[in-house]
Amino acid sequence: MDIPAALKYLYISILSITIVLASGCLTVPAAPAQPPIPDWLQTPPSDSKKHIYGIGEGFNLDEAKQSALRDIAGKLATNVSSNSESKASDHDGKSSRYFRQKVNTFIKDTKLSSYETIKAVQQQGQFYVLVAMSREKFVKENQARLDDISEQIQAYLSGVSSKNNLLQLVNYNKVLKLSLQAKDLLALMRVTDSSFDEKPYLSAYLSYQQKEKSLTEKTQFSLKPTQAMKPLSLQIKKTLQMSGFQVDTSKEADSVIEVVGVVTRNEIFSTKNVSIKFEILVKTNTNQLIKSSSYHLNGSSTSSFAMARDGALNQFTAKIRSKTDIYKLLGMSE
């Protein structure tokens, strides 16, 4: 075999394969160029006196819009927090933190409706949108909500001074709840409208709070338990007094708290069990029923029925340690 000829043949074959492979590489299409990211997505417009802007993304247009609205809500929450810090002197640190957390939760739950989609684009299966919320419309919507709350407050206060102290206390407690809702709205109004004056509202809410406190201190409660319920009524009396309520046996009391029920005892395998079924009736001094609540308590002890009874009573009194809990007991709160 002629060796140089063989080598020449091998060289030609390798060269041919190389040319074919090179030609194949040249025919591979280039990856398509990605569209440039829009300027508004890279640098969103700054909020103005007329609009608050939000950027959002999602797998569909609606999801992207909701994301943009959450962006706006986040801005409002941040502004409220910042504004609250500047008013920290009005609250202690704990109250201020609680207020900010409460308002921020309120903002997240607020449905923003006064908006329009300014820009929208779809890239690589994702939708991106730019949303603008009108400050003016947002303020008007919240002002309408404030006005509605004010009307409800006035309805509760209409003719309230002619009622007995207990009924006044019931109404003012409802007014304070409405005031708390209004304060959430005030926080939003404050950060979206620089010209908004919240002082008249806050002044009115403070007067309601002072009136409620005054009524708490002067409203007289008279406890009237059945014989079996006297141990329970003593604990109720102590809890009411610790929260600032006036409790005695005066016939001139504004409110009567009747405690009626039965106590049953049994012993099983040396364990003493006590069951207490009772009802608390809260009435005015003219016998107008304000609240009726039924309870069933159980306690057990290996030592005595008295300890079993005390254990059952503690289950109840453990639930009425705060003023809010007492208001629920008295029918002033849900």
C-alpha atoms as a PDB file:
ATOM      1  CA  MET A   1       0.000   0.000   0.000  1.00  0.00           C
ATOM      2  CA  ASP A   2       1.284   3.462  -0.889  1.00  0.00           C
ATOM      3  CA  ILE A   3       1.515   5.150   2.583  1.00  0.00           C
ATOM      4  CA  PRO A   4       1.830   8.763   1.374  1.00  0.00           C
ATOM      5  CA  ALA A   5      -1.321   8.288  -0.709  1.00  0.00           C
ATOM      6  CA  ALA A   6      -3.216   6.959   2.320  1.00  0.00           C
ATOM      7  CA  LEU A   7      -2.131   9.860   4.435  1.00  0.00           C
ATOM      8  CA  LYS A   8      -3.205  12.213   1.690  1.00  0.00           C
ATOM      9  CA  TYR A   9      -6.631  10.547   1.569  1.00  0.00           C
ATOM     10  CA  LEU A  10      -7.001  10.799   5.370  1.00  0.00           C
ATOM     11  CA  TYR A  11      -6.080  14.480   5.315  1.00  0.00           C
ATOM     12  CA  ILE A  12      -8.648  15.210   2.595  1.00  0.00           C
ATOM     13  CA  SER A  13     -11.376  13.356   4.584  1.00  0.00           C
ATOM     14  CA  ILE A  14     -10.660  15.263   7.797  1.00  0.00           C
ATOM     15  CA  LEU A  15     -10.650  18.558   5.907  1.00  0.00           C
ATOM     16  CA  SER A  16     -14.013  17.711   4.318  1.00  0.00           C
ATOM     17  CA  ILE A  17     -15.586  16.871   7.709  1.00  0.00           C
ATOM     18  CA  THR A  18     -14.247  20.086   9.195  1.00  0.00           C
ATOM     19  CA  ILE A  19     -15.737  22.140   6.357  1.00  0.00           C
ATOM     20  CA  VAL A  20     -19.123  20.423   6.760  1.00  0.00           C
ATOM     21  CA  LEU A  21     -19.181  21.000  10.533  1.00  0.00           C
ATOM     22  CA  ALA A  22     -18.180  24.611  10.074  1.00  0.00           C
ATOM     23  CA  SER A  23     -20.901  25.071   7.507  1.00  0.00           C
ATOM     24  CA  GLY A  24     -23.433  23.530   9.926  1.00  0.00           C
ATOM     25  CA  CYS A  25     -22.457  25.949  12.693  1.00  0.00           C
ATOM     26  CA  LEU A  26     -22.976  28.850  10.367  1.00  0.00           C
ATOM     27  CA  THR A  27     -26.559  27.783   9.652  1.00  0.00           C
ATOM     28  CA  VAL A  28     -27.723  27.806  13.355  1.00  0.00           C
ATOM     29  CA  PRO A  29     -30.141  30.768  13.692  1.00  0.00           C
ATOM     30  CA  ALA A  30     -29.262  33.443  16.231  1.00  0.00           C
ATOM     31  CA  ALA A  31     -31.433  33.800  19.370  1.00  0.00           C
ATOM     32  CA  PRO A  32     -34.127  36.456  18.879  1.00  0.00           C
ATOM     33  CA  ALA A  33     -33.303  39.772  20.477  1.00  0.00           C
ATOM     34  CA  GLN A  34     -35.339  40.575  23.595  1.00  0.00           C
ATOM     35  CA  PRO A  35     -37.407  43.747  23.368  1.00  0.00           C
ATOM     36  CA  PRO A  36     -35.946  46.538  25.459  1.00  0.00           C
ATOM     37  CA  ILE A  37     -37.400  47.105  28.920  1.00  0.00           C
ATOM     38  CA  PRO A  38     -39.703  50.148  28.773  1.00  0.00           C
ATOM     39  CA  ASP A  39     -38.424  53.294  30.437  1.00  0.00           C
ATOM     40  CA  TRP A  40     -41.529  53.541  32.646  1.00  0.00           C
ATOM     41  CA  LEU A  41     -40.794  50.069  34.022  1.00  0.00           C
ATOM     42  CA  GLN A  42     -37.154  50.823  34.766  1.00  0.00           C
ATOM     43  CA  THR A  43     -37.872  54.270  36.215  1.00  0.00           C
ATOM     44  CA  PRO A  44     -41.512  54.617  37.317  1.00  0.00           C
ATOM     45  CA  PRO A  45     -42.876  58.173  37.375  1.00  0.00           C
ATOM     46  CA  SER A  46     -42.743  60.001  40.691  1.00  0.00           C
ATOM     47  CA  ASP A  47     -45.989  60.578  42.559  1.00  0.00           C
ATOM     48  CA  SER A  48     -47.527  63.969  41.879  1.00  0.00           C
ATOM     49  CA  LYS A  49     -50.182  66.220  43.378  1.00  0.00           C
ATOM     50  CA  LYS A  50     -52.717  64.582  41.078  1.00  0.00           C
ATOM     51  CA  HIS A  51     -51.686  60.937  41.007  1.00  0.00           C
ATOM     52  CA  ILE A  52     -50.028  58.145  42.973  1.00  0.00           C
ATOM     53  CA  TYR A  53     -48.386  55.579  40.708  1.00  0.00           C
ATOM     54  CA  GLY A  54     -47.929  51.851  41.084  1.00  0.00           C
ATOM     55  CA  ILE A  55     -46.024  49.217  39.105  1.00  0.00           C
ATOM     56  CA  GLY A  56     -47.249  45.627  39.003  1.00  0.00           C
ATOM     57  CA  GLU A  57     -46.580  42.314  37.309  1.00  0.00           C
ATOM     58  CA  GLY A  58     -48.479  39.064  36.916  1.00  0.00           C
ATOM     59  CA  PHE A  59     -49.307  36.124  34.676  1.00  0.00           C
ATOM     60  CA  ASN A  60     -52.325  38.012  33.363  1.00  0.00           C
ATOM     61  CA  LEU A  61     -53.421  41.620  33.115  1.00  0.00           C
ATOM     62  CA  ASP A  62     -55.776  41.549  36.104  1.00  0.00           C
ATOM     63  CA  GLU A  63     -53.123  40.002  38.336  1.00  0.00           C
ATOM     64  CA  ALA A  64     -50.643  42.682  37.255  1.00  0.00           C
ATOM     65  CA  LYS A  65     -53.188  45.432  38.080  1.00  0.00           C
ATOM     66  CA  GLN A  66     -53.771  44.017  41.558  1.00  0.00           C
ATOM     67  CA  SER A  67     -50.013  43.921  42.079  1.00  0.00           C
ATOM     68  CA  ALA A  68     -49.791  47.595  41.063  1.00  0.00           C
ATOM     69  CA  LEU A  69     -52.573  48.527  43.497  1.00  0.00           C
ATOM     70  CA  ARG A  70     -50.715  46.726  46.283  1.00  0.00           C
ATOM     71  CA  ASP A  71     -47.707  48.832  45.344  1.00  0.00           C
ATOM     72  CA  ILE A  72     -49.802  51.974  45.850  1.00  0.00           C
ATOM     73  CA  ALA A  73     -51.203  50.643  49.146  1.00  0.00           C
ATOM     74  CA  GLY A  74     -47.635  49.999  50.287  1.00  0.00           C
ATOM     75  CA  LYS A  75     -46.742  53.615  49.585  1.00  0.00           C
ATOM     76  CA  LEU A  76     -49.743  54.814  51.592  1.00  0.00           C
ATOM     77  CA  ALA A  77     -48.789  52.537  54.487  1.00  0.00           C
ATOM     78  CA  THR A  78     -45.218  53.813  54.424  1.00  0.00           C
ATOM     79  CA  ASN A  79     -46.386  57.419  54.407  1.00  0.00           C
ATOM     80  CA  VAL A  80     -48.784  56.774  57.283  1.00  0.00           C
ATOM     81  CA  SER A  81     -45.994  55.176  59.305  1.00  0.00           C
ATOM     82  CA  SER A  82     -43.691  58.095  58.604  1.00  0.00           C
ATOM     83  CA  ASN A  83     -46.408  60.573  59.483  1.00  0.00           C
ATOM     84  CA  SER A  84     -47.157  58.690  62.696  1.00  0.00           C
ATOM     85  CA  GLU A  85     -43.517  58.907  63.698  1.00  0.00           C
ATOM     86  CA  SER A  86     -43.711  62.687  63.405  1.00  0.00           C
ATOM     87  CA  LYS A  87     -46.703  62.615  65.747  1.00  0.00           C
ATOM     88  CA  ALA A  88     -45.109  60.223  68.226  1.00  0.00           C
ATOM     89  CA  SER A  89     -45.472  62.776  70.984  1.00  0.00           C
ATOM     90  CA  ASP A  90     -49.227  62.156  70.888  1.00  0.00           C
ATOM     91  CA  HIS A  91     -48.773  58.491  71.815  1.00  0.00           C
ATOM     92  CA  ASP A  92     -46.448  56.385  73.897  1.00  0.00           C
ATOM     93  CA  GLY A  93     -44.190  54.072  71.895  1.00  0.00           C
ATOM     94  CA  LYS A  94     -46.417  51.012  72.283  1.00  0.00           C
ATOM     95  CA  SER A  95     -49.589  52.841  71.270  1.00  0.00           C
ATOM     96  CA  SER A  96     -47.869  54.433  68.293  1.00  0.00           C
ATOM     97  CA  ARG A  97     -46.646  51.065  67.011  1.00  0.00           C
ATOM     98  CA  TYR A  98     -50.082  49.547  67.516  1.00  0.00           C
ATOM     99  CA  PHE A  99     -51.692  52.459  65.675  1.00  0.00           C
ATOM    100  CA  ARG A 100     -49.362  52.121  62.682  1.00  0.00           C
ATOM    101  CA  GLN A 101     -49.879  48.368  62.502  1.00  0.00           C
ATOM    102  CA  LYS A 102     -53.652  48.777  62.727  1.00  0.00           C
ATOM    103  CA  VAL A 103     -53.770  51.462  60.021  1.00  0.00           C
ATOM    104  CA  ASN A 104     -51.415  49.546  57.742  1.00  0.00           C
ATOM    105  CA  THR A 105     -53.675  46.501  58.021  1.00  0.00           C
ATOM    106  CA  PHE A 106     -56.633  48.746  57.250  1.00  0.00           C
ATOM    107  CA  ILE A 107     -54.886  50.112  54.153  1.00  0.00           C
ATOM    108  CA  LYS A 108     -54.084  46.624  52.866  1.00  0.00           C
ATOM    109  CA  ASP A 109     -57.760  45.735  53.194  1.00  0.00           C
ATOM    110  CA  THR A 110     -58.881  48.952  51.492  1.00  0.00           C
ATOM    111  CA  LYS A 111     -60.097  48.440  47.932  1.00  0.00           C
ATOM    112  CA  LEU A 112     -58.602  51.099  45.696  1.00  0.00           C
ATOM    113  CA  SER A 113     -61.008  51.961  42.889  1.00  0.00           C
ATOM    114  CA  SER A 114     -60.074  55.440  41.630  1.00  0.00           C
ATOM    115  CA  TYR A 115     -57.344  54.320  39.243  1.00  0.00           C
ATOM    116  CA  GLU A 116     -56.576  53.837  35.566  1.00  0.00           C
ATOM    117  CA  THR A 117     -54.049  51.749  33.692  1.00  0.00           C
ATOM    118  CA  ILE A 118     -51.556  54.068  31.977  1.00  0.00           C
ATOM    119  CA  LYS A 119     -49.151  51.552  30.421  1.00  0.00           C
ATOM    120  CA  ALA A 120     -49.172  47.799  29.857  1.00  0.00           C
ATOM    121  CA  VAL A 121     -46.710  45.417  28.224  1.00  0.00           C
ATOM    122  CA  GLN A 122     -46.236  41.658  27.942  1.00  0.00           C
ATOM    123  CA  GLN A 123     -42.751  40.157  27.926  1.00  0.00           C
ATOM    124  CA  GLN A 124     -41.749  36.498  28.234  1.00  0.00           C
ATOM    125  CA  GLY A 125     -45.166  35.462  29.460  1.00  0.00           C
ATOM    126  CA  GLN A 126     -45.379  38.167  32.126  1.00  0.00           C
ATOM    127  CA  PHE A 127     -47.615  41.227  32.115  1.00  0.00           C
ATOM    128  CA  TYR A 128     -46.370  44.544  33.446  1.00  0.00           C
ATOM    129  CA  VAL A 129     -48.580  47.560  34.097  1.00  0.00           C
ATOM    130  CA  LEU A 130     -48.315  51.131  35.275  1.00  0.00           C
ATOM    131  CA  VAL A 131     -51.347  52.296  37.233  1.00  0.00           C
ATOM    132  CA  ALA A 132     -52.217  55.837  38.326  1.00  0.00           C
ATOM    133  CA  MET A 133     -54.605  56.510  41.208  1.00  0.00           C
ATOM    134  CA  SER A 134     -56.322  59.885  41.335  1.00  0.00           C
ATOM    135  CA  ARG A 135     -55.670  61.661  44.612  1.00  0.00           C
ATOM    136  CA  GLU A 136     -58.761  63.832  44.210  1.00  0.00           C
ATOM    137  CA  LYS A 137     -61.133  60.915  43.648  1.00  0.00           C
ATOM    138  CA  PHE A 138     -59.530  58.885  46.440  1.00  0.00           C
ATOM    139  CA  VAL A 139     -59.947  61.784  48.860  1.00  0.00           C
ATOM    140  CA  LYS A 140     -63.586  62.275  47.824  1.00  0.00           C
ATOM    141  CA  GLU A 141     -64.351  58.596  48.378  1.00  0.00           C
ATOM    142  CA  ASN A 142     -62.848  58.627  51.852  1.00  0.00           C
ATOM    143  CA  GLN A 143     -64.517  61.924  52.701  1.00  0.00           C
ATOM    144  CA  ALA A 144     -67.850  60.306  51.832  1.00  0.00           C
ATOM    145  CA  ARG A 145     -67.022  57.431  54.169  1.00  0.00           C
ATOM    146  CA  LEU A 146     -66.104  59.885  56.912  1.00  0.00           C
ATOM    147  CA  ASP A 147     -69.388  61.730  56.403  1.00  0.00           C
ATOM    148  CA  ASP A 148     -71.291  58.458  56.669  1.00  0.00           C
ATOM    149  CA  ILE A 149     -69.561  57.627  59.969  1.00  0.00           C
ATOM    150  CA  SER A 150     -70.321  61.127  61.265  1.00  0.00           C
ATOM    151  CA  GLU A 151     -74.002  60.617  60.466  1.00  0.00           C
ATOM    152  CA  GLN A 152     -74.025  57.311  62.355  1.00  0.00           C
ATOM    153  CA  ILE A 153     -72.356  58.977  65.342  1.00  0.00           C
ATOM    154  CA  GLN A 154     -74.912  61.773  65.393  1.00  0.00           C
ATOM    155  CA  ALA A 155     -77.726  59.207  65.257  1.00  0.00           C
ATOM    156  CA  TYR A 156     -76.381  57.545  68.409  1.00  0.00           C
ATOM    157  CA  LEU A 157     -75.919  60.898  70.169  1.00  0.00           C
ATOM    158  CA  SER A 158     -79.327  62.291  69.230  1.00  0.00           C
ATOM    159  CA  GLY A 159     -81.298  62.677  72.470  1.00  0.00           C
ATOM    160  CA  VAL A 160     -78.781  60.573  74.385  1.00  0.00           C
ATOM    161  CA  SER A 161     -78.486  63.064  77.249  1.00  0.00           C
ATOM    162  CA  SER A 162     -82.110  62.408  78.238  1.00  0.00           C
ATOM    163  CA  LYS A 163     -81.473  58.680  78.714  1.00  0.00           C
ATOM    164  CA  ASN A 164     -80.352  56.925  81.863  1.00  0.00           C
ATOM    165  CA  ASN A 165     -76.584  56.632  82.425  1.00  0.00           C
ATOM    166  CA  LEU A 166     -76.374  53.008  81.344  1.00  0.00           C
ATOM    167  CA  LEU A 167     -78.050  53.685  78.004  1.00  0.00           C
ATOM    168  CA  GLN A 168     -75.797  56.701  77.508  1.00  0.00           C
ATOM    169  CA  LEU A 169     -72.795  54.493  78.201  1.00  0.00           C
ATOM    170  CA  VAL A 170     -74.015  51.927  75.668  1.00  0.00           C
ATOM    171  CA  ASN A 171     -74.394  54.609  72.989  1.00  0.00           C
ATOM    172  CA  TYR A 172     -71.060  56.279  73.674  1.00  0.00           C
ATOM    173  CA  ASN A 173     -69.329  52.922  73.504  1.00  0.00           C
ATOM    174  CA  LYS A 174     -70.766  52.450  69.995  1.00  0.00           C
ATOM    175  CA  VAL A 175     -69.677  55.980  69.113  1.00  0.00           C
ATOM    176  CA  LEU A 176     -66.104  55.219  70.193  1.00  0.00           C
ATOM    177  CA  LYS A 177     -66.008  52.194  67.901  1.00  0.00           C
ATOM    178  CA  LEU A 178     -67.099  54.356  64.987  1.00  0.00           C
ATOM    179  CA  SER A 179     -64.467  56.921  65.960  1.00  0.00           C
ATOM    180  CA  LEU A 180     -61.759  54.275  65.662  1.00  0.00           C
ATOM    181  CA  GLN A 181     -62.928  53.473  62.131  1.00  0.00           C
ATOM    182  CA  ALA A 182     -62.876  57.168  61.314  1.00  0.00           C
ATOM    183  CA  LYS A 183     -59.318  57.561  62.619  1.00  0.00           C
ATOM    184  CA  ASP A 184     -58.154  54.984  60.075  1.00  0.00           C
ATOM    185  CA  LEU A 185     -59.694  57.114  57.339  1.00  0.00           C
ATOM    186  CA  LEU A 186     -58.168  60.280  58.781  1.00  0.00           C
ATOM    187  CA  ALA A 187     -54.723  58.705  58.487  1.00  0.00           C
ATOM    188  CA  LEU A 188     -55.319  58.073  54.777  1.00  0.00           C
ATOM    189  CA  MET A 189     -56.710  61.548  54.206  1.00  0.00           C
ATOM    190  CA  ARG A 190     -53.752  63.105  55.953  1.00  0.00           C
ATOM    191  CA  VAL A 191     -51.156  61.501  53.683  1.00  0.00           C
ATOM    192  CA  THR A 192     -53.066  61.951  50.409  1.00  0.00           C
ATOM    193  CA  ASP A 193     -54.362  65.503  50.848  1.00  0.00           C
ATOM    194  CA  SER A 194     -51.983  68.036  52.381  1.00  0.00           C
ATOM    195  CA  SER A 195     -54.815  70.551  52.823  1.00  0.00           C
ATOM    196  CA  PHE A 196     -57.018  68.186  54.833  1.00  0.00           C
ATOM    197  CA  ASP A 197     -57.742  69.417  58.370  1.00  0.00           C
ATOM    198  CA  GLU A 198     -58.234  66.515  60.773  1.00  0.00           C
ATOM    199  CA  LYS A 199     -58.322  68.600  63.962  1.00  0.00           C
ATOM    200  CA  PRO A 200     -62.129  69.061  64.161  1.00  0.00           C
ATOM    201  CA  TYR A 201     -62.611  65.311  63.870  1.00  0.00           C
ATOM    202  CA  LEU A 202     -59.952  64.440  66.442  1.00  0.00           C
ATOM    203  CA  SER A 203     -61.300  67.049  68.834  1.00  0.00           C
ATOM    204  CA  ALA A 204     -64.790  65.550  68.589  1.00  0.00           C
ATOM    205  CA  TYR A 205     -63.485  61.999  69.063  1.00  0.00           C
ATOM    206  CA  LEU A 206     -61.549  63.080  72.141  1.00  0.00           C
ATOM    207  CA  SER A 207     -64.699  64.617  73.634  1.00  0.00           C
ATOM    208  CA  TYR A 208     -66.554  61.320  73.070  1.00  0.00           C
ATOM    209  CA  GLN A 209     -63.769  59.431  74.788  1.00  0.00           C
ATOM    210  CA  GLN A 210     -63.848  61.787  77.782  1.00  0.00           C
ATOM    211  CA  LYS A 211     -67.635  61.510  78.002  1.00  0.00           C
ATOM    212  CA  GLU A 212     -67.483  57.726  77.940  1.00  0.00           C
ATOM    213  CA  LYS A 213     -64.863  57.753  80.705  1.00  0.00           C
ATOM    214  CA  SER A 214     -67.021  60.083  82.779  1.00  0.00           C
ATOM    215  CA  LEU A 215     -70.057  57.847  82.338  1.00  0.00           C
ATOM    216  CA  THR A 216     -68.021  54.795  83.304  1.00  0.00           C
ATOM    217  CA  GLU A 217     -67.053  56.475  86.564  1.00  0.00           C
ATOM    218  CA  LYS A 218     -70.540  57.632  87.551  1.00  0.00           C
ATOM    219  CA  THR A 219     -72.816  54.884  86.227  1.00  0.00           C
ATOM    220  CA  GLN A 220     -73.958  52.838  89.219  1.00  0.00           C
ATOM    221  CA  PHE A 221     -74.342  49.072  88.859  1.00  0.00           C
ATOM    222  CA  SER A 222     -76.280  46.994  91.346  1.00  0.00           C
ATOM    223  CA  LEU A 223     -75.549  43.254  91.522  1.00  0.00           C
ATOM    224  CA  LYS A 224     -78.472  40.982  92.351  1.00  0.00           C
ATOM    225  CA  PRO A 225     -77.399  37.335  92.462  1.00  0.00           C
ATOM    226  CA  THR A 226     -79.387  34.338  93.575  1.00  0.00           C
ATOM    227  CA  GLN A 227     -78.031  32.602  96.663  1.00  0.00           C
ATOM    228  CA  ALA A 228     -76.135  29.996  94.656  1.00  0.00           C
ATOM    229  CA  MET A 229     -74.551  32.682  92.474  1.00  0.00           C
ATOM    230  CA  LYS A 230     -73.129  34.885  95.246  1.00  0.00           C
ATOM    231  CA  PRO A 231     -69.553  33.552  94.899  1.00  0.00           C
ATOM    232  CA  LEU A 232     -69.655  34.318  91.176  1.00  0.00           C
ATOM    233  CA  SER A 233     -71.200  37.769  91.694  1.00  0.00           C
ATOM    234  CA  LEU A 234     -68.368  38.700  94.073  1.00  0.00           C
ATOM    235  CA  GLN A 235     -65.815  37.989  91.361  1.00  0.00           C
ATOM    236  CA  ILE A 236     -67.851  39.936  88.795  1.00  0.00           C
ATOM    237  CA  LYS A 237     -68.049  42.883  91.186  1.00  0.00           C
ATOM    238  CA  LYS A 238     -64.288  42.863  91.749  1.00  0.00           C
ATOM    239  CA  THR A 239     -63.610  42.758  87.997  1.00  0.00           C
ATOM    240  CA  LEU A 240     -65.990  45.652  87.303  1.00  0.00           C
ATOM    241  CA  GLN A 241     -64.484  47.786  90.050  1.00  0.00           C
ATOM    242  CA  MET A 242     -60.934  47.159  88.827  1.00  0.00           C
ATOM    243  CA  SER A 243     -61.996  48.578  85.435  1.00  0.00           C
ATOM    244  CA  GLY A 244     -63.417  51.740  86.966  1.00  0.00           C
ATOM    245  CA  PHE A 245     -67.098  50.810  87.176  1.00  0.00           C
ATOM    246  CA  GLN A 246     -69.159  51.706  90.241  1.00  0.00           C
ATOM    247  CA  VAL A 247     -70.796  48.647  91.800  1.00  0.00           C
ATOM    248  CA  ASP A 248     -72.923  48.590  94.966  1.00  0.00           C
ATOM    249  CA  THR A 249     -76.313  47.472  96.209  1.00  0.00           C
ATOM    250  CA  SER A 250     -77.939  50.884  95.970  1.00  0.00           C
ATOM    251  CA  LYS A 251     -81.580  51.020  94.944  1.00  0.00           C
ATOM    252  CA  GLU A 252     -80.710  54.169  92.985  1.00  0.00           C
ATOM    253  CA  ALA A 253     -78.392  52.306  90.637  1.00  0.00           C
ATOM    254  CA  ASP A 254     -78.582  53.070  86.900  1.00  0.00           C
ATOM    255  CA  SER A 255     -78.221  49.413  86.000  1.00  0.00           C
ATOM    256  CA  VAL A 256     -79.088  46.097  87.577  1.00  0.00           C
ATOM    257  CA  ILE A 257     -77.004  43.003  86.922  1.00  0.00           C
ATOM    258  CA  GLU A 258     -78.948  39.894  87.790  1.00  0.00           C
ATOM    259  CA  VAL A 259     -77.035  36.622  88.116  1.00  0.00           C
ATOM    260  CA  VAL A 260     -79.253  33.555  88.215  1.00  0.00           C
ATOM    261  CA  GLY A 261     -78.348  29.900  87.901  1.00  0.00           C
ATOM    262  CA  VAL A 262     -77.863  26.501  89.448  1.00  0.00           C
ATOM    263  CA  VAL A 263     -74.879  24.583  90.775  1.00  0.00           C
ATOM    264  CA  THR A 264     -74.746  20.791  90.583  1.00  0.00           C
ATOM    265  CA  ARG A 265     -72.196  18.528  92.225  1.00  0.00           C
ATOM    266  CA  ASN A 266     -71.187  14.935  91.723  1.00  0.00           C
ATOM    267  CA  GLU A 267     -68.285  12.702  92.615  1.00  0.00           C
ATOM    268  CA  ILE A 268     -66.799  10.142  90.237  1.00  0.00           C
ATOM    269  CA  PHE A 269     -63.866   7.933  91.231  1.00  0.00           C
ATOM    270  CA  SER A 270     -62.926  10.247  94.116  1.00  0.00           C
ATOM    271  CA  THR A 271     -62.935  13.296  91.778  1.00  0.00           C
ATOM    272  CA  LYS A 272     -65.299  16.045  92.828  1.00  0.00           C
ATOM    273  CA  ASN A 273     -67.032  17.786  89.932  1.00  0.00           C
ATOM    274  CA  VAL A 274     -68.986  21.042  89.927  1.00  0.00           C
ATOM    275  CA  SER A 275     -71.204  22.260  87.073  1.00  0.00           C
ATOM    276  CA  ILE A 276     -72.433  25.858  87.067  1.00  0.00           C
ATOM    277  CA  LYS A 277     -75.158  26.913  84.651  1.00  0.00           C
ATOM    278  CA  PHE A 278     -76.059  30.576  84.936  1.00  0.00           C
ATOM    279  CA  GLU A 279     -77.433  33.593  83.134  1.00  0.00           C
ATOM    280  CA  ILE A 280     -76.428  37.252  83.410  1.00  0.00           C
ATOM    281  CA  LEU A 281     -79.178  39.780  82.789  1.00  0.00           C
ATOM    282  CA  VAL A 282     -78.206  43.439  82.403  1.00  0.00           C
ATOM    283  CA  LYS A 283     -81.133  45.823  82.832  1.00  0.00           C
ATOM    284  CA  THR A 284     -81.766  49.505  83.326  1.00  0.00           C
ATOM    285  CA  ASN A 285     -83.298  50.721  86.569  1.00  0.00           C
ATOM    286  CA  THR A 286     -86.648  50.713  84.750  1.00  0.00           C
ATOM    287  CA  ASN A 287     -86.250  46.979  83.989  1.00  0.00           C
ATOM    288  CA  GLN A 288     -85.348  47.486  80.306  1.00  0.00           C
ATOM    289  CA  LEU A 289     -83.282  44.484  79.225  1.00  0.00           C
ATOM    290  CA  ILE A 290     -79.937  45.418  77.656  1.00  0.00           C
ATOM    291  CA  LYS A 291     -78.190  42.059  77.523  1.00  0.00           C
ATOM    292  CA  SER A 292     -78.894  38.438  78.349  1.00  0.00           C
ATOM    293  CA  SER A 293     -76.044  35.896  78.286  1.00  0.00           C
ATOM    294  CA  SER A 294     -75.956  32.227  79.246  1.00  0.00           C
ATOM    295  CA  TYR A 295     -72.882  30.343  80.458  1.00  0.00           C
ATOM    296  CA  HIS A 296     -71.931  26.821  81.490  1.00  0.00           C
ATOM    297  CA  LEU A 297     -68.810  26.209  83.560  1.00  0.00           C
ATOM    298  CA  ASN A 298     -67.250  22.984  84.817  1.00  0.00           C
ATOM    299  CA  GLY A 299     -64.595  22.417  87.463  1.00  0.00           C
ATOM    300  CA  SER A 300     -63.075  19.410  89.161  1.00  0.00           C
ATOM    301  CA  SER A 301     -60.824  18.692  92.126  1.00  0.00           C
ATOM    302  CA  THR A 302     -59.581  15.717  94.073  1.00  0.00           C
ATOM    303  CA  SER A 303     -59.609  17.797  97.270  1.00  0.00           C
ATOM    304  CA  SER A 304     -62.983  19.485  97.713  1.00  0.00           C
ATOM    305  CA  PHE A 305     -66.123  20.755  95.995  1.00  0.00           C
ATOM    306  CA  ALA A 306     -65.120  24.302  96.975  1.00  0.00           C
ATOM    307  CA  MET A 307     -61.902  24.025  94.995  1.00  0.00           C
ATOM    308  CA  ALA A 308     -63.776  22.505  92.079  1.00  0.00           C
ATOM    309  CA  ARG A 309     -66.242  25.421  92.198  1.00  0.00           C
ATOM    310  CA  ASP A 310     -63.430  27.979  92.335  1.00  0.00           C
ATOM    311  CA  GLY A 311     -61.769  26.352  89.343  1.00  0.00           C
ATOM    312  CA  ALA A 312     -64.997  26.644  87.389  1.00  0.00           C
ATOM    313  CA  LEU A 313     -65.459  30.298  88.378  1.00  0.00           C
ATOM    314  CA  ASN A 314     -61.897  31.118  87.360  1.00  0.00           C
ATOM    315  CA  GLN A 315     -62.699  29.951  83.833  1.00  0.00           C
ATOM    316  CA  PHE A 316     -65.264  32.707  83.633  1.00  0.00           C
ATOM    317  CA  THR A 317     -63.419  35.564  85.324  1.00  0.00           C
ATOM    318  CA  ALA A 318     -60.326  34.838  83.206  1.00  0.00           C
ATOM    319  CA  LYS A 319     -62.389  35.952  80.198  1.00  0.00           C
ATOM    320  CA  ILE A 320     -63.366  39.361  81.605  1.00  0.00           C
ATOM    321  CA  ARG A 321     -60.043  40.885  82.588  1.00  0.00           C
ATOM    322  CA  SER A 322     -60.162  43.874  80.229  1.00  0.00           C
ATOM    323  CA  LYS A 323     -62.635  46.698  79.795  1.00  0.00           C
ATOM    324  CA  THR A 324     -63.484  45.409  76.331  1.00  0.00           C
ATOM    325  CA  ASP A 325     -64.395  42.025  77.821  1.00  0.00           C
ATOM    326  CA  ILE A 326     -66.626  43.740  80.383  1.00  0.00           C
ATOM    327  CA  TYR A 327     -68.376  45.683  77.641  1.00  0.00           C
ATOM    328  CA  LYS A 328     -69.154  42.384  75.920  1.00  0.00           C
ATOM    329  CA  LEU A 329     -70.515  41.029  79.190  1.00  0.00           C
ATOM    330  CA  LEU A 330     -72.707  44.100  79.643  1.00  0.00           C
ATOM    331  CA  GLY A 331     -74.011  44.049  76.074  1.00  0.00           C
ATOM    332  CA  MET A 332     -72.126  47.114  74.919  1.00  0.00           C
ATOM    333  CA  SER A 333     -69.917  45.283  72.447  1.00  0.00           C
ATOM    334  CA  GLU A 334     -70.167  42.315  70.115  1.00  0.00           C
END
